[in-house]
Amino acid sequence: MMRQAGRYMASYQALSKRHPSFRERSETTDLIVEITLQPWHAFAPDGVILFSDILTPLPAIGVPFDISESKGPVIQSPVRTEEQVRELVPIDLDKLQFVGESLKILRSEIDGEAALLGFVGAPWTIATYVVEGGMTNTYTNIKRMCHTAPNVLRGLLSHLAEAISDYIIYQVNSGAQCIQIFDSWGGQLPPHVWEQWSKPYIRQIVAKIKTECPHIPLVLYINGNGGLLERMKDIGVDVIGLDWTVDMADGRRRVGDGISVQGNVDPAYLFSPLPVLTHEIHRVVKAAGPKGHILNLGHGVLQKTPEEAVAHFFDVTRSLRYDTLFQGHLTEELQPVA
């Protein structure tokens, strides 16, 4: 469950009072391990997701950032010039040892009882923070750069793609068994612009990982990807995450049988009566079909989500059996939509 470790859990809230800095919580090995394991001990999901942030590797390439309680990530010197891009450095993995150490400890702790998942941000999504200086609702600076400083933006995206590739390999070598790539803000682009400014750099990462770590499954999640599904399927990832605004059956049909899908229960269903949540889980699983589906939310767990509902999500899912759920179901070969 995306964001399964975090603010909705009472145990996380208690730990946060003792360690109020998010950077400390996400960059201290002991705390990363403790927070990562909180939902695993509570709910026993099939995947244990490293507690981290997509911006965590930025200081290792020469982009310092702070986290403000009110504004979120803040980058004091946004990268918008050719000179600033030239000043970026190859990723220094020594500055990310807390990630590697945490993954090694977690792999030992879960001891094969669950899959250990790592994740990264896609170059375009990371670049939105680096160029805008933090969170934004409009993306005007980086979208303008597509036309006013395309060479600067290409240089930044290329540097990020190389750094992120190396960071994935580092996570895998440290124990991660699957990697999810978050192009969280890729859905803010018109599809033809995403095709030009995000897709090639994700494809570059995927090609390198498939060469260096061919055994590692890759998941690609784009928030708001309903207009991008057909354009995502030839990137080379193993799984495409669907957000909750995409109809699961339609999404399956659009990507075809060659790629698995992940998702896509609306996180708001976890605030509904439990029988309603049960019905929605059944509906999504049936719509996805009897193979190639990772049940997940269509986005991260929302703040103030009842822990009882999260437990129910996992309990209901574990109770499902394909042989009864799909009794009499004729498996349909899905061909991608042209």
C-alpha atoms as a PDB file:
ATOM      1  CA  MET A   1       0.000   0.000   0.000  1.00  0.00           C
ATOM      2  CA  MET A   2       1.659   3.239  -1.115  1.00  0.00           C
ATOM      3  CA  ARG A   3       2.670   5.357   1.902  1.00  0.00           C
ATOM      4  CA  GLN A   4       1.814   2.443   4.185  1.00  0.00           C
ATOM      5  CA  ALA A   5       4.366   3.776   6.670  1.00  0.00           C
ATOM      6  CA  GLY A   6       3.585   7.262   7.859  1.00  0.00           C
ATOM      7  CA  ARG A   7       1.383   9.896   9.372  1.00  0.00           C
ATOM      8  CA  TYR A   8      -1.869   7.943   9.782  1.00  0.00           C
ATOM      9  CA  MET A   9      -0.241   5.451  12.196  1.00  0.00           C
ATOM     10  CA  ALA A  10      -0.284   6.215  15.925  1.00  0.00           C
ATOM     11  CA  SER A  11       3.131   4.578  16.307  1.00  0.00           C
ATOM     12  CA  TYR A  12       4.567   6.918  13.662  1.00  0.00           C
ATOM     13  CA  GLN A  13       2.988   9.955  15.318  1.00  0.00           C
ATOM     14  CA  ALA A  14       4.557   8.990  18.641  1.00  0.00           C
ATOM     15  CA  LEU A  15       7.965   8.567  17.029  1.00  0.00           C
ATOM     16  CA  SER A  16       7.580  11.913  15.232  1.00  0.00           C
ATOM     17  CA  LYS A  17       7.091  13.695  18.542  1.00  0.00           C
ATOM     18  CA  ARG A  18      10.471  12.367  19.665  1.00  0.00           C
ATOM     19  CA  HIS A  19      12.075  13.105  16.288  1.00  0.00           C
ATOM     20  CA  PRO A  20      10.220  16.101  14.783  1.00  0.00           C
ATOM     21  CA  SER A  21      12.511  16.554  11.767  1.00  0.00           C
ATOM     22  CA  PHE A  22      11.395  14.638   8.661  1.00  0.00           C
ATOM     23  CA  ARG A  23      14.955  14.748   7.344  1.00  0.00           C
ATOM     24  CA  GLU A  24      16.145  13.079  10.548  1.00  0.00           C
ATOM     25  CA  ARG A  25      13.446  10.409  10.340  1.00  0.00           C
ATOM     26  CA  SER A  26      14.182   9.640   6.690  1.00  0.00           C
ATOM     27  CA  GLU A  27      17.985   9.880   6.872  1.00  0.00           C
ATOM     28  CA  THR A  28      18.806   8.027  10.101  1.00  0.00           C
ATOM     29  CA  THR A  29      19.253   4.280   9.680  1.00  0.00           C
ATOM     30  CA  ASP A  30      17.659   3.172  12.966  1.00  0.00           C
ATOM     31  CA  LEU A  31      14.630   5.402  12.433  1.00  0.00           C
ATOM     32  CA  ILE A  32      14.203   4.370   8.776  1.00  0.00           C
ATOM     33  CA  VAL A  33      14.194   0.707   9.793  1.00  0.00           C
ATOM     34  CA  GLU A  34      11.772   1.249  12.680  1.00  0.00           C
ATOM     35  CA  ILE A  35       9.313   3.297  10.607  1.00  0.00           C
ATOM     36  CA  THR A  36       9.526   0.949   7.614  1.00  0.00           C
ATOM     37  CA  LEU A  37       8.662  -2.032   9.810  1.00  0.00           C
ATOM     38  CA  GLN A  38       5.748  -0.389  11.665  1.00  0.00           C
ATOM     39  CA  PRO A  39       3.084  -1.279   9.052  1.00  0.00           C
ATOM     40  CA  TRP A  40       4.640  -4.692   8.440  1.00  0.00           C
ATOM     41  CA  HIS A  41       4.357  -5.586  12.121  1.00  0.00           C
ATOM     42  CA  ALA A  42       0.814  -4.146  12.251  1.00  0.00           C
ATOM     43  CA  PHE A  43      -0.699  -5.430   8.991  1.00  0.00           C
ATOM     44  CA  ALA A  44       1.698  -7.979   7.415  1.00  0.00           C
ATOM     45  CA  PRO A  45       1.536  -6.679   3.827  1.00  0.00           C
ATOM     46  CA  ASP A  46       3.310  -8.633   1.085  1.00  0.00           C
ATOM     47  CA  GLY A  47       5.584  -5.663   0.389  1.00  0.00           C
ATOM     48  CA  VAL A  48       7.766  -3.767   2.848  1.00  0.00           C
ATOM     49  CA  ILE A  49       8.430  -0.295   1.411  1.00  0.00           C
ATOM     50  CA  LEU A  50      11.581   1.572   2.413  1.00  0.00           C
ATOM     51  CA  PHE A  51      10.663   4.723   4.354  1.00  0.00           C
ATOM     52  CA  SER A  52      12.298   7.472   2.353  1.00  0.00           C
ATOM     53  CA  ASP A  53      11.516  10.354   0.001  1.00  0.00           C
ATOM     54  CA  ILE A  54      11.991  10.890  -3.726  1.00  0.00           C
ATOM     55  CA  LEU A  55      14.123  13.982  -2.933  1.00  0.00           C
ATOM     56  CA  THR A  56      16.482  12.113  -0.589  1.00  0.00           C
ATOM     57  CA  PRO A  57      19.286  11.743  -3.200  1.00  0.00           C
ATOM     58  CA  LEU A  58      19.355  15.459  -4.137  1.00  0.00           C
ATOM     59  CA  PRO A  59      22.172  16.537  -1.750  1.00  0.00           C
ATOM     60  CA  ALA A  60      24.278  13.717  -3.188  1.00  0.00           C
ATOM     61  CA  ILE A  61      24.235  15.437  -6.601  1.00  0.00           C
ATOM     62  CA  GLY A  62      24.842  18.919  -5.226  1.00  0.00           C
ATOM     63  CA  VAL A  63      21.280  20.172  -4.625  1.00  0.00           C
ATOM     64  CA  PRO A  64      20.694  20.874  -0.915  1.00  0.00           C
ATOM     65  CA  PHE A  65      17.121  21.156   0.320  1.00  0.00           C
ATOM     66  CA  ASP A  66      15.155  21.730   3.502  1.00  0.00           C
ATOM     67  CA  ILE A  67      11.712  20.553   4.593  1.00  0.00           C
ATOM     68  CA  SER A  68       9.360  23.234   5.902  1.00  0.00           C
ATOM     69  CA  GLU A  69       6.376  22.146   7.979  1.00  0.00           C
ATOM     70  CA  SER A  70       4.173  24.634   6.113  1.00  0.00           C
ATOM     71  CA  LYS A  71       5.697  24.634   2.603  1.00  0.00           C
ATOM     72  CA  GLY A  72       7.122  21.135   2.227  1.00  0.00           C
ATOM     73  CA  PRO A  73      10.448  20.822   0.344  1.00  0.00           C
ATOM     74  CA  VAL A  74      12.344  24.086  -0.148  1.00  0.00           C
ATOM     75  CA  ILE A  75      15.317  24.464  -2.496  1.00  0.00           C
ATOM     76  CA  GLN A  76      16.969  27.817  -1.855  1.00  0.00           C
ATOM     77  CA  SER A  77      18.794  27.994  -5.207  1.00  0.00           C
ATOM     78  CA  PRO A  78      16.543  26.606  -7.976  1.00  0.00           C
ATOM     79  CA  VAL A  79      18.477  25.256 -10.954  1.00  0.00           C
ATOM     80  CA  ARG A  80      17.547  27.304 -14.021  1.00  0.00           C
ATOM     81  CA  THR A  81      20.803  28.124 -15.834  1.00  0.00           C
ATOM     82  CA  GLU A  82      23.412  26.257 -17.836  1.00  0.00           C
ATOM     83  CA  GLU A  83      26.058  27.178 -15.269  1.00  0.00           C
ATOM     84  CA  GLN A  84      23.996  25.669 -12.434  1.00  0.00           C
ATOM     85  CA  VAL A  85      23.537  22.431 -14.381  1.00  0.00           C
ATOM     86  CA  ARG A  86      27.306  22.245 -14.950  1.00  0.00           C
ATOM     87  CA  GLU A  87      27.837  22.587 -11.195  1.00  0.00           C
ATOM     88  CA  LEU A  88      25.828  19.416 -10.489  1.00  0.00           C
ATOM     89  CA  VAL A  89      28.005  16.445  -9.544  1.00  0.00           C
ATOM     90  CA  PRO A  90      27.723  12.705 -10.230  1.00  0.00           C
ATOM     91  CA  ILE A  91      25.757  11.073  -7.449  1.00  0.00           C
ATOM     92  CA  ASP A  92      27.910  10.483  -4.368  1.00  0.00           C
ATOM     93  CA  LEU A  93      26.532   7.264  -2.934  1.00  0.00           C
ATOM     94  CA  ASP A  94      28.677   7.672   0.177  1.00  0.00           C
ATOM     95  CA  LYS A  95      26.248  10.429   1.159  1.00  0.00           C
ATOM     96  CA  LEU A  96      23.387   7.912   0.959  1.00  0.00           C
ATOM     97  CA  GLN A  97      24.864   5.181   3.131  1.00  0.00           C
ATOM     98  CA  PHE A  98      21.852   5.384   5.461  1.00  0.00           C
ATOM     99  CA  VAL A  99      19.718   4.084   2.557  1.00  0.00           C
ATOM    100  CA  GLY A 100      22.010   1.149   1.842  1.00  0.00           C
ATOM    101  CA  GLU A 101      22.439   0.268   5.501  1.00  0.00           C
ATOM    102  CA  SER A 102      18.680   0.414   6.093  1.00  0.00           C
ATOM    103  CA  LEU A 103      17.928  -1.871   3.144  1.00  0.00           C
ATOM    104  CA  LYS A 104      20.472  -4.442   4.326  1.00  0.00           C
ATOM    105  CA  ILE A 105      19.006  -4.482   7.834  1.00  0.00           C
ATOM    106  CA  LEU A 106      15.438  -4.650   6.512  1.00  0.00           C
ATOM    107  CA  ARG A 107      16.245  -7.520   4.170  1.00  0.00           C
ATOM    108  CA  SER A 108      17.577  -9.443   7.159  1.00  0.00           C
ATOM    109  CA  GLU A 109      14.655  -8.477   9.410  1.00  0.00           C
ATOM    110  CA  ILE A 110      11.896  -9.591   7.057  1.00  0.00           C
ATOM    111  CA  ASP A 111      13.882 -12.722   6.181  1.00  0.00           C
ATOM    112  CA  GLY A 112      12.019 -13.638   3.004  1.00  0.00           C
ATOM    113  CA  GLU A 113       8.537 -13.218   4.496  1.00  0.00           C
ATOM    114  CA  ALA A 114       7.803 -10.197   2.295  1.00  0.00           C
ATOM    115  CA  ALA A 115       9.316  -8.410  -0.680  1.00  0.00           C
ATOM    116  CA  LEU A 116      11.525  -5.411   0.078  1.00  0.00           C
ATOM    117  CA  LEU A 117      10.610  -2.470  -2.152  1.00  0.00           C
ATOM    118  CA  GLY A 118      12.673   0.597  -2.975  1.00  0.00           C
ATOM    119  CA  PHE A 119      11.638   3.618  -5.007  1.00  0.00           C
ATOM    120  CA  VAL A 120      12.857   6.705  -6.838  1.00  0.00           C
ATOM    121  CA  GLY A 121      11.408   9.786  -8.470  1.00  0.00           C
ATOM    122  CA  ALA A 122      11.444  10.097 -12.251  1.00  0.00           C
ATOM    123  CA  PRO A 123      13.684  12.822 -13.739  1.00  0.00           C
ATOM    124  CA  TRP A 124      10.812  15.120 -14.761  1.00  0.00           C
ATOM    125  CA  THR A 125       9.204  14.934 -11.318  1.00  0.00           C
ATOM    126  CA  ILE A 126      12.489  15.549  -9.488  1.00  0.00           C
ATOM    127  CA  ALA A 127      13.227  18.404 -11.896  1.00  0.00           C
ATOM    128  CA  THR A 128       9.955  20.138 -11.020  1.00  0.00           C
ATOM    129  CA  TYR A 129      11.209  20.595  -7.452  1.00  0.00           C
ATOM    130  CA  VAL A 130      14.739  21.519  -8.528  1.00  0.00           C
ATOM    131  CA  VAL A 131      13.552  24.152 -11.012  1.00  0.00           C
ATOM    132  CA  GLU A 132      10.555  25.512  -9.120  1.00  0.00           C
ATOM    133  CA  GLY A 133      12.342  25.556  -5.766  1.00  0.00           C
ATOM    134  CA  GLY A 134       9.762  23.355  -4.090  1.00  0.00           C
ATOM    135  CA  MET A 135       6.106  22.423  -4.439  1.00  0.00           C
ATOM    136  CA  THR A 136       4.002  24.124  -7.086  1.00  0.00           C
ATOM    137  CA  ASN A 137       0.475  23.982  -8.457  1.00  0.00           C
ATOM    138  CA  THR A 138       1.278  25.509 -11.831  1.00  0.00           C
ATOM    139  CA  TYR A 139       4.759  24.295 -12.931  1.00  0.00           C
ATOM    140  CA  THR A 140       5.156  27.531 -14.886  1.00  0.00           C
ATOM    141  CA  ASN A 141       8.937  27.850 -14.538  1.00  0.00           C
ATOM    142  CA  ILE A 142       9.792  24.356 -15.725  1.00  0.00           C
ATOM    143  CA  LYS A 143       7.117  24.345 -18.429  1.00  0.00           C
ATOM    144  CA  ARG A 144       8.449  27.656 -19.713  1.00  0.00           C
ATOM    145  CA  MET A 145      11.977  26.187 -19.794  1.00  0.00           C
ATOM    146  CA  CYS A 146      10.764  23.573 -22.287  1.00  0.00           C
ATOM    147  CA  HIS A 147      10.565  26.458 -24.778  1.00  0.00           C
ATOM    148  CA  THR A 148      12.912  29.167 -23.495  1.00  0.00           C
ATOM    149  CA  ALA A 149      15.856  27.064 -22.233  1.00  0.00           C
ATOM    150  CA  PRO A 150      15.423  23.574 -23.692  1.00  0.00           C
ATOM    151  CA  ASN A 151      19.138  22.777 -23.617  1.00  0.00           C
ATOM    152  CA  VAL A 152      19.357  23.659 -19.931  1.00  0.00           C
ATOM    153  CA  LEU A 153      16.378  21.443 -19.145  1.00  0.00           C
ATOM    154  CA  ARG A 154      17.733  18.582 -21.249  1.00  0.00           C
ATOM    155  CA  GLY A 155      21.038  18.813 -19.398  1.00  0.00           C
ATOM    156  CA  LEU A 156      19.287  18.729 -16.036  1.00  0.00           C
ATOM    157  CA  LEU A 157      17.044  15.792 -16.981  1.00  0.00           C
ATOM    158  CA  SER A 158      19.984  13.830 -18.422  1.00  0.00           C
ATOM    159  CA  HIS A 159      21.998  14.376 -15.245  1.00  0.00           C
ATOM    160  CA  LEU A 160      19.061  13.276 -13.112  1.00  0.00           C
ATOM    161  CA  ALA A 161      18.461  10.178 -15.257  1.00  0.00           C
ATOM    162  CA  GLU A 162      22.066   9.072 -14.789  1.00  0.00           C
ATOM    163  CA  ALA A 163      22.007   9.761 -11.056  1.00  0.00           C
ATOM    164  CA  ILE A 164      18.675   8.012 -10.526  1.00  0.00           C
ATOM    165  CA  SER A 165      19.867   4.964 -12.471  1.00  0.00           C
ATOM    166  CA  ASP A 166      22.921   4.673 -10.222  1.00  0.00           C
ATOM    167  CA  TYR A 167      20.728   5.189  -7.165  1.00  0.00           C
ATOM    168  CA  ILE A 168      18.426   2.340  -8.221  1.00  0.00           C
ATOM    169  CA  ILE A 169      21.399   0.019  -8.723  1.00  0.00           C
ATOM    170  CA  TYR A 170      22.660   1.016  -5.268  1.00  0.00           C
ATOM    171  CA  GLN A 171      19.273   0.179  -3.723  1.00  0.00           C
ATOM    172  CA  VAL A 172      19.194  -3.177  -5.507  1.00  0.00           C
ATOM    173  CA  ASN A 173      22.735  -4.059  -4.450  1.00  0.00           C
ATOM    174  CA  SER A 174      21.745  -3.165  -0.875  1.00  0.00           C
ATOM    175  CA  GLY A 175      18.758  -5.530  -0.853  1.00  0.00           C
ATOM    176  CA  ALA A 176      15.773  -3.977  -2.671  1.00  0.00           C
ATOM    177  CA  GLN A 177      13.884  -6.640  -4.637  1.00  0.00           C
ATOM    178  CA  CYS A 178      11.618  -4.348  -6.663  1.00  0.00           C
ATOM    179  CA  ILE A 179      11.772  -0.655  -7.561  1.00  0.00           C
ATOM    180  CA  GLN A 180       8.895   1.731  -8.201  1.00  0.00           C
ATOM    181  CA  ILE A 181       9.541   4.828 -10.297  1.00  0.00           C
ATOM    182  CA  PHE A 182       7.277   7.741  -9.363  1.00  0.00           C
ATOM    183  CA  ASP A 183       6.630  10.252 -12.114  1.00  0.00           C
ATOM    184  CA  SER A 184       4.249  11.933  -9.709  1.00  0.00           C
ATOM    185  CA  TRP A 185       3.910  15.139 -11.721  1.00  0.00           C
ATOM    186  CA  GLY A 186       4.165  13.633 -15.200  1.00  0.00           C
ATOM    187  CA  GLY A 187       0.379  13.742 -15.379  1.00  0.00           C
ATOM    188  CA  GLN A 188       0.575  17.543 -15.213  1.00  0.00           C
ATOM    189  CA  LEU A 189       1.929  17.566 -18.767  1.00  0.00           C
ATOM    190  CA  PRO A 190      -0.092  17.277 -21.971  1.00  0.00           C
ATOM    191  CA  PRO A 191       0.557  13.764 -23.329  1.00  0.00           C
ATOM    192  CA  HIS A 192       2.663  14.947 -26.280  1.00  0.00           C
ATOM    193  CA  VAL A 193       4.791  17.074 -23.938  1.00  0.00           C
ATOM    194  CA  TRP A 194       5.245  14.152 -21.517  1.00  0.00           C
ATOM    195  CA  GLU A 195       6.332  12.096 -24.521  1.00  0.00           C
ATOM    196  CA  GLN A 196       9.116  14.583 -25.206  1.00  0.00           C
ATOM    197  CA  TRP A 197      10.213  15.739 -21.762  1.00  0.00           C
ATOM    198  CA  SER A 198       9.632  12.815 -19.407  1.00  0.00           C
ATOM    199  CA  LYS A 199       9.356   9.528 -21.259  1.00  0.00           C
ATOM    200  CA  PRO A 200      12.851   9.445 -22.870  1.00  0.00           C
ATOM    201  CA  TYR A 201      14.537   9.897 -19.484  1.00  0.00           C
ATOM    202  CA  ILE A 202      12.457   7.198 -17.804  1.00  0.00           C
ATOM    203  CA  ARG A 203      13.245   4.929 -20.740  1.00  0.00           C
ATOM    204  CA  GLN A 204      16.961   5.696 -20.289  1.00  0.00           C
ATOM    205  CA  ILE A 205      16.739   4.597 -16.644  1.00  0.00           C
ATOM    206  CA  VAL A 206      14.771   1.447 -17.448  1.00  0.00           C
ATOM    207  CA  ALA A 207      17.214   0.420 -20.184  1.00  0.00           C
ATOM    208  CA  LYS A 208      20.171   0.734 -17.819  1.00  0.00           C
ATOM    209  CA  ILE A 209      18.461  -1.166 -14.997  1.00  0.00           C
ATOM    210  CA  LYS A 210      17.333  -3.944 -17.318  1.00  0.00           C
ATOM    211  CA  THR A 211      20.975  -4.320 -18.395  1.00  0.00           C
ATOM    212  CA  GLU A 212      22.568  -4.064 -14.951  1.00  0.00           C
ATOM    213  CA  CYS A 213      19.819  -5.720 -12.841  1.00  0.00           C
ATOM    214  CA  PRO A 214      17.684  -7.764 -15.264  1.00  0.00           C
ATOM    215  CA  HIS A 215      16.048  -9.754 -12.443  1.00  0.00           C
ATOM    216  CA  ILE A 216      14.549  -6.690 -10.741  1.00  0.00           C
ATOM    217  CA  PRO A 217      10.893  -5.863 -11.503  1.00  0.00           C
ATOM    218  CA  LEU A 218      10.225  -2.206 -12.249  1.00  0.00           C
ATOM    219  CA  VAL A 219       6.911  -0.451 -11.546  1.00  0.00           C
ATOM    220  CA  LEU A 220       6.022   2.914 -13.106  1.00  0.00           C
ATOM    221  CA  TYR A 221       3.421   5.079 -11.391  1.00  0.00           C
ATOM    222  CA  ILE A 222       2.207   8.405 -12.758  1.00  0.00           C
ATOM    223  CA  ASN A 223      -0.444  10.307 -10.869  1.00  0.00           C
ATOM    224  CA  GLY A 224      -3.154  11.286 -13.349  1.00  0.00           C
ATOM    225  CA  ASN A 225      -2.006   8.794 -15.985  1.00  0.00           C
ATOM    226  CA  GLY A 226      -5.378   8.210 -17.662  1.00  0.00           C
ATOM    227  CA  GLY A 227      -4.246  10.097 -20.752  1.00  0.00           C
ATOM    228  CA  LEU A 228      -0.841   8.406 -20.862  1.00  0.00           C
ATOM    229  CA  LEU A 229      -1.450   4.654 -20.587  1.00  0.00           C
ATOM    230  CA  GLU A 230      -0.892   3.811 -24.250  1.00  0.00           C
ATOM    231  CA  ARG A 231       2.275   5.933 -24.224  1.00  0.00           C
ATOM    232  CA  MET A 232       3.624   4.197 -21.097  1.00  0.00           C
ATOM    233  CA  LYS A 233       3.478   0.606 -22.243  1.00  0.00           C
ATOM    234  CA  ASP A 234       6.601   0.582 -24.467  1.00  0.00           C
ATOM    235  CA  ILE A 235       8.943   2.078 -21.847  1.00  0.00           C
ATOM    236  CA  GLY A 236      10.006  -1.407 -20.760  1.00  0.00           C
ATOM    237  CA  VAL A 237       8.711  -1.574 -17.183  1.00  0.00           C
ATOM    238  CA  ASP A 238       7.113  -4.734 -15.826  1.00  0.00           C
ATOM    239  CA  VAL A 239       4.169  -3.090 -14.063  1.00  0.00           C
ATOM    240  CA  ILE A 240       2.138   0.054 -14.668  1.00  0.00           C
ATOM    241  CA  GLY A 241       0.441   1.603 -11.664  1.00  0.00           C
ATOM    242  CA  LEU A 242      -3.072   2.933 -12.258  1.00  0.00           C
ATOM    243  CA  ASP A 243      -4.403   5.797 -10.204  1.00  0.00           C
ATOM    244  CA  TRP A 244      -7.979   5.630  -8.914  1.00  0.00           C
ATOM    245  CA  THR A 245      -9.379   7.836 -11.696  1.00  0.00           C
ATOM    246  CA  VAL A 246      -8.749   5.074 -14.267  1.00  0.00           C
ATOM    247  CA  ASP A 247     -11.312   2.297 -14.565  1.00  0.00           C
ATOM    248  CA  MET A 248      -9.376  -0.898 -13.808  1.00  0.00           C
ATOM    249  CA  ALA A 249     -10.990  -3.001 -16.554  1.00  0.00           C
ATOM    250  CA  ASP A 250     -10.453  -0.220 -19.085  1.00  0.00           C
ATOM    251  CA  GLY A 251      -6.871   0.254 -17.939  1.00  0.00           C
ATOM    252  CA  ARG A 252      -6.154  -3.463 -18.333  1.00  0.00           C
ATOM    253  CA  ARG A 253      -7.577  -3.408 -21.829  1.00  0.00           C
ATOM    254  CA  ARG A 254      -5.571  -0.339 -22.796  1.00  0.00           C
ATOM    255  CA  VAL A 255      -2.182  -1.701 -21.715  1.00  0.00           C
ATOM    256  CA  GLY A 256      -2.835  -5.303 -22.824  1.00  0.00           C
ATOM    257  CA  ASP A 257      -1.676  -8.624 -21.392  1.00  0.00           C
ATOM    258  CA  GLY A 258       2.042  -8.024 -21.805  1.00  0.00           C
ATOM    259  CA  ILE A 259       2.320  -5.726 -18.775  1.00  0.00           C
ATOM    260  CA  SER A 260       1.042  -6.244 -15.245  1.00  0.00           C
ATOM    261  CA  VAL A 261      -0.930  -3.541 -13.469  1.00  0.00           C
ATOM    262  CA  GLN A 262      -0.991  -2.194  -9.932  1.00  0.00           C
ATOM    263  CA  GLY A 263      -3.809  -0.455  -8.075  1.00  0.00           C
ATOM    264  CA  ASN A 264      -6.176   1.094  -7.856  1.00  0.00           C
ATOM    265  CA  VAL A 265      -8.605   1.437  -4.925  1.00  0.00           C
ATOM    266  CA  ASP A 266      -9.415   5.091  -4.208  1.00  0.00           C
ATOM    267  CA  PRO A 267      -7.670   5.909  -0.867  1.00  0.00           C
ATOM    268  CA  ALA A 268     -10.872   7.679   0.239  1.00  0.00           C
ATOM    269  CA  TYR A 269     -12.630   4.274   0.410  1.00  0.00           C
ATOM    270  CA  LEU A 270     -10.601   3.663   3.584  1.00  0.00           C
ATOM    271  CA  PHE A 271     -12.834   6.273   5.247  1.00  0.00           C
ATOM    272  CA  SER A 272     -15.998   4.399   4.204  1.00  0.00           C
ATOM    273  CA  PRO A 273     -17.894   1.741   6.178  1.00  0.00           C
ATOM    274  CA  LEU A 274     -15.871  -1.476   6.084  1.00  0.00           C
ATOM    275  CA  PRO A 275     -18.455  -3.429   4.014  1.00  0.00           C
ATOM    276  CA  VAL A 276     -18.199  -0.707   1.352  1.00  0.00           C
ATOM    277  CA  LEU A 277     -14.406  -1.064   1.333  1.00  0.00           C
ATOM    278  CA  THR A 278     -14.767  -4.851   1.046  1.00  0.00           C
ATOM    279  CA  HIS A 279     -17.045  -4.480  -1.969  1.00  0.00           C
ATOM    280  CA  GLU A 280     -14.648  -2.077  -3.670  1.00  0.00           C
ATOM    281  CA  ILE A 281     -11.665  -4.405  -3.165  1.00  0.00           C
ATOM    282  CA  HIS A 282     -13.652  -7.259  -4.726  1.00  0.00           C
ATOM    283  CA  ARG A 283     -14.712  -5.031  -7.620  1.00  0.00           C
ATOM    284  CA  VAL A 284     -11.148  -3.907  -8.412  1.00  0.00           C
ATOM    285  CA  VAL A 285      -9.707  -7.431  -8.182  1.00  0.00           C
ATOM    286  CA  LYS A 286     -12.427  -8.844 -10.448  1.00  0.00           C
ATOM    287  CA  ALA A 287     -11.954  -6.012 -12.951  1.00  0.00           C
ATOM    288  CA  ALA A 288      -8.193  -6.633 -13.042  1.00  0.00           C
ATOM    289  CA  GLY A 289      -8.633 -10.310 -13.863  1.00  0.00           C
ATOM    290  CA  PRO A 290      -6.957 -13.456 -12.570  1.00  0.00           C
ATOM    291  CA  LYS A 291      -3.326 -12.689 -13.459  1.00  0.00           C
ATOM    292  CA  GLY A 292      -0.764  -9.912 -13.535  1.00  0.00           C
ATOM    293  CA  HIS A 293      -2.283  -7.656 -10.868  1.00  0.00           C
ATOM    294  CA  ILE A 294      -0.803  -6.165  -7.685  1.00  0.00           C
ATOM    295  CA  LEU A 295      -3.616  -4.884  -5.497  1.00  0.00           C
ATOM    296  CA  ASN A 296      -2.785  -1.458  -4.124  1.00  0.00           C
ATOM    297  CA  LEU A 297      -4.389   1.912  -3.619  1.00  0.00           C
ATOM    298  CA  GLY A 298      -4.579   4.293  -6.553  1.00  0.00           C
ATOM    299  CA  HIS A 299      -2.455   6.755  -4.565  1.00  0.00           C
ATOM    300  CA  GLY A 300      -0.819   6.924  -1.133  1.00  0.00           C
ATOM    301  CA  VAL A 301      -2.627   6.396   2.163  1.00  0.00           C
ATOM    302  CA  LEU A 302      -4.258   9.656   3.216  1.00  0.00           C
ATOM    303  CA  GLN A 303      -3.538  11.405   6.491  1.00  0.00           C
ATOM    304  CA  LYS A 304      -5.997  10.492   9.292  1.00  0.00           C
ATOM    305  CA  THR A 305      -6.933   7.202   7.568  1.00  0.00           C
ATOM    306  CA  PRO A 306      -8.279   4.838  10.273  1.00  0.00           C
ATOM    307  CA  GLU A 307      -5.794   2.075  11.010  1.00  0.00           C
ATOM    308  CA  GLU A 308      -8.756  -0.298  11.338  1.00  0.00           C
ATOM    309  CA  ALA A 309      -9.535   0.303   7.655  1.00  0.00           C
ATOM    310  CA  VAL A 310      -5.922  -0.360   6.607  1.00  0.00           C
ATOM    311  CA  ALA A 311      -5.985  -3.626   8.562  1.00  0.00           C
ATOM    312  CA  HIS A 312      -9.295  -4.496   6.899  1.00  0.00           C
ATOM    313  CA  PHE A 313      -7.837  -3.805   3.444  1.00  0.00           C
ATOM    314  CA  PHE A 314      -5.076  -6.351   4.003  1.00  0.00           C
ATOM    315  CA  ASP A 315      -7.316  -8.893   5.774  1.00  0.00           C
ATOM    316  CA  VAL A 316      -9.882  -8.860   2.974  1.00  0.00           C
ATOM    317  CA  THR A 317      -7.190  -9.142   0.318  1.00  0.00           C
ATOM    318  CA  ARG A 318      -5.564 -12.115   2.040  1.00  0.00           C
ATOM    319  CA  SER A 319      -8.951 -13.837   2.225  1.00  0.00           C
ATOM    320  CA  LEU A 320      -9.504 -13.693  -1.545  1.00  0.00           C
ATOM    321  CA  ARG A 321      -8.988 -16.829  -3.616  1.00  0.00           C
ATOM    322  CA  TYR A 322      -8.754 -16.642  -7.363  1.00  0.00           C
ATOM    323  CA  ASP A 323     -10.249 -20.096  -7.871  1.00  0.00           C
ATOM    324  CA  THR A 324     -13.532 -19.027  -6.214  1.00  0.00           C
ATOM    325  CA  LEU A 325     -13.525 -15.334  -7.104  1.00  0.00           C
ATOM    326  CA  PHE A 326     -13.174 -16.141 -10.799  1.00  0.00           C
ATOM    327  CA  GLN A 327     -15.161 -19.380 -10.849  1.00  0.00           C
ATOM    328  CA  GLY A 328     -16.542 -19.821 -14.341  1.00  0.00           C
ATOM    329  CA  HIS A 329     -14.470 -16.861 -15.545  1.00  0.00           C
ATOM    330  CA  LEU A 330     -13.138 -17.278 -19.067  1.00  0.00           C
ATOM    331  CA  THR A 331      -9.674 -15.718 -19.263  1.00  0.00           C
ATOM    332  CA  GLU A 332      -9.729 -13.161 -22.038  1.00  0.00           C
ATOM    333  CA  GLU A 333      -6.534 -12.361 -23.868  1.00  0.00           C
ATOM    334  CA  LEU A 334      -6.278  -8.600 -23.809  1.00  0.00           C
ATOM    335  CA  GLN A 335      -4.722  -6.902 -26.779  1.00  0.00           C
ATOM    336  CA  PRO A 336      -3.355  -3.393 -26.321  1.00  0.00           C
ATOM    337  CA  VAL A 337      -5.477  -0.655 -27.796  1.00  0.00           C
ATOM    338  CA  ALA A 338      -3.804   0.603 -30.954  1.00  0.00           C
END
